[in-house]
């Protein structure tokens, strides 16, 4: 699908033009904005835009949901979506979600307060979902890519807490894990 897609440098100028004076709205804005800034930095351009994160807004305007991943969130809110995990499908879902959030914030005070130049660190929804399924037990854990390949093996007295550290860390190793992880399995050892 991406074989014939343009390279970033081929669309960079157009991205600058269409986002000038705009607020970028994304589900997990911190993640998307970091990628954009990194790609522009490679081209020698300092890209800065205000951001609005629909994960953050959803947690404020629709509290106490079991998951804030885009798929589960729009499904629980009855927002029809097709073509999930494709750029157009996810963008359409985010727009529909954002419109719903705009309607919920009648005075727009919450949304105005959430606009920022550097988005707050929001853990990517897929990472939050992985952590929610892990136990706080002693054992060995295995971090897998989507194809099942193990990318990291570790041990901890509290697997849930340790994986949370990996998923919130800012080291190169942690960032690599955050980008590549699809699932975490574990063997409980019961030994401290």
C-alpha atoms as a PDB file:
ATOM      1  CA  UNK A   1       0.000   0.000   0.000  1.00  0.00           C
ATOM      2  CA  UNK A   2       2.861   2.384   0.797  1.00  0.00           C
ATOM      3  CA  UNK A   3       5.096   1.334  -2.080  1.00  0.00           C
ATOM      4  CA  UNK A   4       3.762   4.064  -4.373  1.00  0.00           C
ATOM      5  CA  UNK A   5       3.150   6.635  -1.612  1.00  0.00           C
ATOM      6  CA  UNK A   6       5.150   9.879  -1.833  1.00  0.00           C
ATOM      7  CA  UNK A   7       8.193  10.366   0.385  1.00  0.00           C
ATOM      8  CA  UNK A   8       7.832  12.804   3.273  1.00  0.00           C
ATOM      9  CA  UNK A   9      10.044  15.441   1.664  1.00  0.00           C
ATOM     10  CA  UNK A  10       7.730  15.409  -1.355  1.00  0.00           C
ATOM     11  CA  UNK A  11       4.691  16.403   0.733  1.00  0.00           C
ATOM     12  CA  UNK A  12       6.389  18.452   3.470  1.00  0.00           C
ATOM     13  CA  UNK A  13       5.784  21.838   1.824  1.00  0.00           C
ATOM     14  CA  UNK A  14       2.093  21.028   1.368  1.00  0.00           C
ATOM     15  CA  UNK A  15       1.796  19.973   5.032  1.00  0.00           C
ATOM     16  CA  UNK A  16       3.272  23.318   6.103  1.00  0.00           C
ATOM     17  CA  UNK A  17       0.847  25.181   3.819  1.00  0.00           C
ATOM     18  CA  UNK A  18      -2.342  23.392   4.859  1.00  0.00           C
ATOM     19  CA  UNK A  19      -1.544  23.518   8.585  1.00  0.00           C
ATOM     20  CA  UNK A  20      -0.470  27.178   8.722  1.00  0.00           C
ATOM     21  CA  UNK A  21      -2.569  28.960  11.354  1.00  0.00           C
ATOM     22  CA  UNK A  22      -4.380  25.707  12.229  1.00  0.00           C
ATOM     23  CA  UNK A  23      -4.645  23.526  15.300  1.00  0.00           C
ATOM     24  CA  UNK A  24      -3.710  19.891  14.674  1.00  0.00           C
ATOM     25  CA  UNK A  25      -6.333  17.537  16.098  1.00  0.00           C
ATOM     26  CA  UNK A  26      -5.265  13.944  16.599  1.00  0.00           C
ATOM     27  CA  UNK A  27      -6.110  10.918  18.692  1.00  0.00           C
ATOM     28  CA  UNK A  28      -2.949  10.786  20.820  1.00  0.00           C
ATOM     29  CA  UNK A  29      -1.542  14.076  19.514  1.00  0.00           C
ATOM     30  CA  UNK A  30       1.760  13.665  21.358  1.00  0.00           C
ATOM     31  CA  UNK A  31       2.628  10.604  19.268  1.00  0.00           C
ATOM     32  CA  UNK A  32       1.622  12.058  15.882  1.00  0.00           C
ATOM     33  CA  UNK A  33       3.136  15.477  16.578  1.00  0.00           C
ATOM     34  CA  UNK A  34       6.452  13.907  17.625  1.00  0.00           C
ATOM     35  CA  UNK A  35       6.618  12.031  14.318  1.00  0.00           C
ATOM     36  CA  UNK A  36       5.858  15.193  12.316  1.00  0.00           C
ATOM     37  CA  UNK A  37       8.451  17.242  14.226  1.00  0.00           C
ATOM     38  CA  UNK A  38      11.057  14.501  13.764  1.00  0.00           C
ATOM     39  CA  UNK A  39      10.492  14.270  10.003  1.00  0.00           C
ATOM     40  CA  UNK A  40      10.622  18.049   9.593  1.00  0.00           C
ATOM     41  CA  UNK A  41      13.771  18.229  11.756  1.00  0.00           C
ATOM     42  CA  UNK A  42      15.426  15.776   9.353  1.00  0.00           C
ATOM     43  CA  UNK A  43      14.662  18.278   6.588  1.00  0.00           C
ATOM     44  CA  UNK A  44      16.127  21.129   8.635  1.00  0.00           C
ATOM     45  CA  UNK A  45      12.753  22.761   9.365  1.00  0.00           C
ATOM     46  CA  UNK A  46      11.377  23.584  12.817  1.00  0.00           C
ATOM     47  CA  UNK A  47       7.701  22.582  12.557  1.00  0.00           C
ATOM     48  CA  UNK A  48       5.499  23.979  15.333  1.00  0.00           C
ATOM     49  CA  UNK A  49       1.713  23.892  15.473  1.00  0.00           C
ATOM     50  CA  UNK A  50      -0.800  24.032  18.274  1.00  0.00           C
ATOM     51  CA  UNK A  51      -2.325  20.637  19.093  1.00  0.00           C
ATOM     52  CA  UNK A  52      -5.505  19.201  20.482  1.00  0.00           C
ATOM     53  CA  UNK A  53      -5.591  15.597  21.660  1.00  0.00           C
ATOM     54  CA  UNK A  54      -8.886  13.696  21.439  1.00  0.00           C
ATOM     55  CA  UNK A  55      -7.613  11.121  23.966  1.00  0.00           C
ATOM     56  CA  UNK A  56      -7.108  13.868  26.545  1.00  0.00           C
ATOM     57  CA  UNK A  57     -10.439  15.515  25.675  1.00  0.00           C
ATOM     58  CA  UNK A  58     -12.285  12.199  25.822  1.00  0.00           C
ATOM     59  CA  UNK A  59     -10.896  11.409  29.265  1.00  0.00           C
ATOM     60  CA  UNK A  60     -12.106  14.804  30.497  1.00  0.00           C
ATOM     61  CA  UNK A  61     -15.466  15.021  28.719  1.00  0.00           C
ATOM     62  CA  UNK A  62     -16.399  11.312  28.818  1.00  0.00           C
ATOM     63  CA  UNK A  63     -14.777   9.995  32.020  1.00  0.00           C
ATOM     64  CA  UNK A  64     -14.726   6.442  33.343  1.00  0.00           C
ATOM     65  CA  UNK A  65     -14.716   4.550  30.051  1.00  0.00           C
ATOM     66  CA  UNK A  66     -12.838   1.234  30.121  1.00  0.00           C
ATOM     67  CA  UNK A  67     -10.688   2.182  27.105  1.00  0.00           C
ATOM     68  CA  UNK A  68      -9.767   5.313  25.200  1.00  0.00           C
ATOM     69  CA  UNK A  69      -8.245   3.584  22.179  1.00  0.00           C
ATOM     70  CA  UNK A  70      -9.820   5.007  19.038  1.00  0.00           C
ATOM     71  CA  UNK A  71     -11.552   1.797  17.960  1.00  0.00           C
ATOM     72  CA  UNK A  72     -13.053   0.944  21.338  1.00  0.00           C
ATOM     73  CA  UNK A  73     -13.964   4.562  22.048  1.00  0.00           C
ATOM     74  CA  UNK A  74     -15.877   5.182  18.820  1.00  0.00           C
ATOM     75  CA  UNK A  75     -17.537   1.771  19.097  1.00  0.00           C
ATOM     76  CA  UNK A  76     -18.702   2.483  22.660  1.00  0.00           C
ATOM     77  CA  UNK A  77     -20.044   5.891  21.560  1.00  0.00           C
ATOM     78  CA  UNK A  78     -21.921   4.421  18.579  1.00  0.00           C
ATOM     79  CA  UNK A  79     -19.829   6.287  16.002  1.00  0.00           C
ATOM     80  CA  UNK A  80     -19.929   4.328  12.728  1.00  0.00           C
ATOM     81  CA  UNK A  81     -16.456   3.710  11.315  1.00  0.00           C
ATOM     82  CA  UNK A  82     -15.116   1.864   8.330  1.00  0.00           C
ATOM     83  CA  UNK A  83     -11.575   1.219   7.205  1.00  0.00           C
ATOM     84  CA  UNK A  84     -10.063   1.193  10.725  1.00  0.00           C
ATOM     85  CA  UNK A  85      -6.265   1.233  10.955  1.00  0.00           C
ATOM     86  CA  UNK A  86      -6.048   3.013   7.599  1.00  0.00           C
ATOM     87  CA  UNK A  87      -5.270   6.728   7.412  1.00  0.00           C
ATOM     88  CA  UNK A  88      -8.624   7.737   5.935  1.00  0.00           C
ATOM     89  CA  UNK A  89     -10.685   5.516   8.250  1.00  0.00           C
ATOM     90  CA  UNK A  90      -8.899   6.603  11.426  1.00  0.00           C
ATOM     91  CA  UNK A  91      -8.989  10.274  10.368  1.00  0.00           C
ATOM     92  CA  UNK A  92     -12.732  10.070   9.689  1.00  0.00           C
ATOM     93  CA  UNK A  93     -13.304   8.377  13.070  1.00  0.00           C
ATOM     94  CA  UNK A  94     -11.260  11.080  14.817  1.00  0.00           C
ATOM     95  CA  UNK A  95     -13.258  13.846  13.093  1.00  0.00           C
ATOM     96  CA  UNK A  96     -16.561  12.268  14.144  1.00  0.00           C
ATOM     97  CA  UNK A  97     -15.285  11.850  17.696  1.00  0.00           C
ATOM     98  CA  UNK A  98     -14.028  15.448  17.776  1.00  0.00           C
ATOM     99  CA  UNK A  99     -17.409  16.770  16.612  1.00  0.00           C
ATOM    100  CA  UNK A 100     -19.080  14.825  19.427  1.00  0.00           C
ATOM    101  CA  UNK A 101     -16.589  16.251  21.944  1.00  0.00           C
ATOM    102  CA  UNK A 102     -17.197  19.785  20.620  1.00  0.00           C
ATOM    103  CA  UNK A 103     -20.926  19.307  21.227  1.00  0.00           C
ATOM    104  CA  UNK A 104     -20.323  18.061  24.788  1.00  0.00           C
ATOM    105  CA  UNK A 105     -18.182  21.099  25.688  1.00  0.00           C
ATOM    106  CA  UNK A 106     -20.965  23.669  25.285  1.00  0.00           C
ATOM    107  CA  UNK A 107     -18.902  26.645  26.527  1.00  0.00           C
ATOM    108  CA  UNK A 108     -15.738  25.372  24.758  1.00  0.00           C
ATOM    109  CA  UNK A 109     -13.742  26.100  27.919  1.00  0.00           C
ATOM    110  CA  UNK A 110     -12.349  22.562  28.217  1.00  0.00           C
ATOM    111  CA  UNK A 111     -11.335  22.446  24.567  1.00  0.00           C
ATOM    112  CA  UNK A 112      -9.709  25.898  24.676  1.00  0.00           C
ATOM    113  CA  UNK A 113      -7.737  24.878  27.771  1.00  0.00           C
ATOM    114  CA  UNK A 114      -6.553  21.693  26.037  1.00  0.00           C
ATOM    115  CA  UNK A 115      -4.946  23.475  23.052  1.00  0.00           C
ATOM    116  CA  UNK A 116      -1.180  23.507  23.497  1.00  0.00           C
ATOM    117  CA  UNK A 117       2.019  23.820  21.526  1.00  0.00           C
ATOM    118  CA  UNK A 118       3.601  20.771  23.107  1.00  0.00           C
ATOM    119  CA  UNK A 119       0.991  18.099  23.792  1.00  0.00           C
ATOM    120  CA  UNK A 120       1.015  16.481  27.196  1.00  0.00           C
ATOM    121  CA  UNK A 121       2.505  13.069  27.206  1.00  0.00           C
ATOM    122  CA  UNK A 122      -0.441  10.784  26.658  1.00  0.00           C
ATOM    123  CA  UNK A 123       0.259   7.111  26.622  1.00  0.00           C
ATOM    124  CA  UNK A 124      -0.837   5.677  23.315  1.00  0.00           C
ATOM    125  CA  UNK A 125      -4.191   3.906  23.755  1.00  0.00           C
ATOM    126  CA  UNK A 126      -2.825   0.535  22.580  1.00  0.00           C
ATOM    127  CA  UNK A 127      -0.193   0.737  25.344  1.00  0.00           C
ATOM    128  CA  UNK A 128      -2.812   1.549  27.969  1.00  0.00           C
ATOM    129  CA  UNK A 129      -4.829  -1.463  26.808  1.00  0.00           C
ATOM    130  CA  UNK A 130      -1.787  -3.760  27.073  1.00  0.00           C
ATOM    131  CA  UNK A 131      -0.993  -2.554  30.609  1.00  0.00           C
ATOM    132  CA  UNK A 132      -4.600  -2.987  31.741  1.00  0.00           C
ATOM    133  CA  UNK A 133      -4.378  -6.726  30.981  1.00  0.00           C
ATOM    134  CA  UNK A 134      -1.156  -7.343  32.931  1.00  0.00           C
ATOM    135  CA  UNK A 135      -0.955  -8.535  36.547  1.00  0.00           C
ATOM    136  CA  UNK A 136       1.104  -6.937  39.325  1.00  0.00           C
ATOM    137  CA  UNK A 137       3.047 -10.168  39.948  1.00  0.00           C
ATOM    138  CA  UNK A 138       6.650 -11.335  39.934  1.00  0.00           C
ATOM    139  CA  UNK A 139       7.829 -12.963  36.734  1.00  0.00           C
ATOM    140  CA  UNK A 140       9.456 -12.831  33.344  1.00  0.00           C
ATOM    141  CA  UNK A 141       7.846 -10.769  30.587  1.00  0.00           C
ATOM    142  CA  UNK A 142       8.207 -10.836  26.819  1.00  0.00           C
ATOM    143  CA  UNK A 143       7.482  -7.809  24.630  1.00  0.00           C
ATOM    144  CA  UNK A 144       6.365  -8.851  21.129  1.00  0.00           C
ATOM    145  CA  UNK A 145       6.025  -7.128  17.769  1.00  0.00           C
ATOM    146  CA  UNK A 146       2.864  -7.638  15.684  1.00  0.00           C
ATOM    147  CA  UNK A 147       4.382 -10.673  13.936  1.00  0.00           C
ATOM    148  CA  UNK A 148       5.068 -12.298  17.329  1.00  0.00           C
ATOM    149  CA  UNK A 149       8.822 -11.642  17.304  1.00  0.00           C
ATOM    150  CA  UNK A 150      10.164 -10.969  20.798  1.00  0.00           C
ATOM    151  CA  UNK A 151      11.840  -7.567  20.949  1.00  0.00           C
ATOM    152  CA  UNK A 152      12.589  -7.488  24.671  1.00  0.00           C
ATOM    153  CA  UNK A 153      12.702  -9.899  27.607  1.00  0.00           C
ATOM    154  CA  UNK A 154      12.803  -8.716  31.199  1.00  0.00           C
ATOM    155  CA  UNK A 155      12.069  -9.755  34.755  1.00  0.00           C
ATOM    156  CA  UNK A 156      10.338  -7.844  37.501  1.00  0.00           C
ATOM    157  CA  UNK A 157       8.781  -8.131  40.934  1.00  0.00           C
ATOM    158  CA  UNK A 158       5.801  -6.251  39.483  1.00  0.00           C
ATOM    159  CA  UNK A 159       5.295  -6.923  35.762  1.00  0.00           C
ATOM    160  CA  UNK A 160       2.496  -4.359  35.358  1.00  0.00           C
ATOM    161  CA  UNK A 161       4.571  -1.579  36.932  1.00  0.00           C
ATOM    162  CA  UNK A 162       7.693  -2.453  34.940  1.00  0.00           C
ATOM    163  CA  UNK A 163       5.857  -2.488  31.596  1.00  0.00           C
ATOM    164  CA  UNK A 164       4.334   0.872  32.527  1.00  0.00           C
ATOM    165  CA  UNK A 165       7.901   2.192  32.991  1.00  0.00           C
ATOM    166  CA  UNK A 166       8.842   0.913  29.519  1.00  0.00           C
ATOM    167  CA  UNK A 167       5.735   2.528  27.998  1.00  0.00           C
ATOM    168  CA  UNK A 168       6.278   5.928  29.638  1.00  0.00           C
ATOM    169  CA  UNK A 169      10.068   6.048  29.394  1.00  0.00           C
ATOM    170  CA  UNK A 170      11.839   8.572  27.191  1.00  0.00           C
ATOM    171  CA  UNK A 171      15.057   6.616  26.591  1.00  0.00           C
ATOM    172  CA  UNK A 172      15.827   5.403  23.059  1.00  0.00           C
ATOM    173  CA  UNK A 173      15.178   1.803  24.195  1.00  0.00           C
ATOM    174  CA  UNK A 174      11.777   2.729  25.687  1.00  0.00           C
ATOM    175  CA  UNK A 175      10.751   4.748  22.629  1.00  0.00           C
ATOM    176  CA  UNK A 176      11.682   1.823  20.348  1.00  0.00           C
ATOM    177  CA  UNK A 177       9.596  -0.541  22.495  1.00  0.00           C
ATOM    178  CA  UNK A 178       6.643   1.896  22.447  1.00  0.00           C
ATOM    179  CA  UNK A 179       6.727   2.067  18.641  1.00  0.00           C
ATOM    180  CA  UNK A 180       7.095  -1.658  17.997  1.00  0.00           C
ATOM    181  CA  UNK A 181       5.110  -3.391  20.762  1.00  0.00           C
ATOM    182  CA  UNK A 182       1.939  -5.240  19.831  1.00  0.00           C
ATOM    183  CA  UNK A 183       1.533  -7.491  22.868  1.00  0.00           C
ATOM    184  CA  UNK A 184       3.191  -8.553  26.124  1.00  0.00           C
ATOM    185  CA  UNK A 185       3.197 -12.102  27.449  1.00  0.00           C
ATOM    186  CA  UNK A 186       4.604 -13.253  30.767  1.00  0.00           C
ATOM    187  CA  UNK A 187       5.456 -16.227  32.951  1.00  0.00           C
ATOM    188  CA  UNK A 188       4.598 -15.767  36.604  1.00  0.00           C
ATOM    189  CA  UNK A 189       7.454 -17.088  38.737  1.00  0.00           C
ATOM    190  CA  UNK A 190       6.155 -16.189  42.195  1.00  0.00           C
ATOM    191  CA  UNK A 191       9.757 -15.722  43.352  1.00  0.00           C
ATOM    192  CA  UNK A 192      10.893 -12.294  44.567  1.00  0.00           C
END
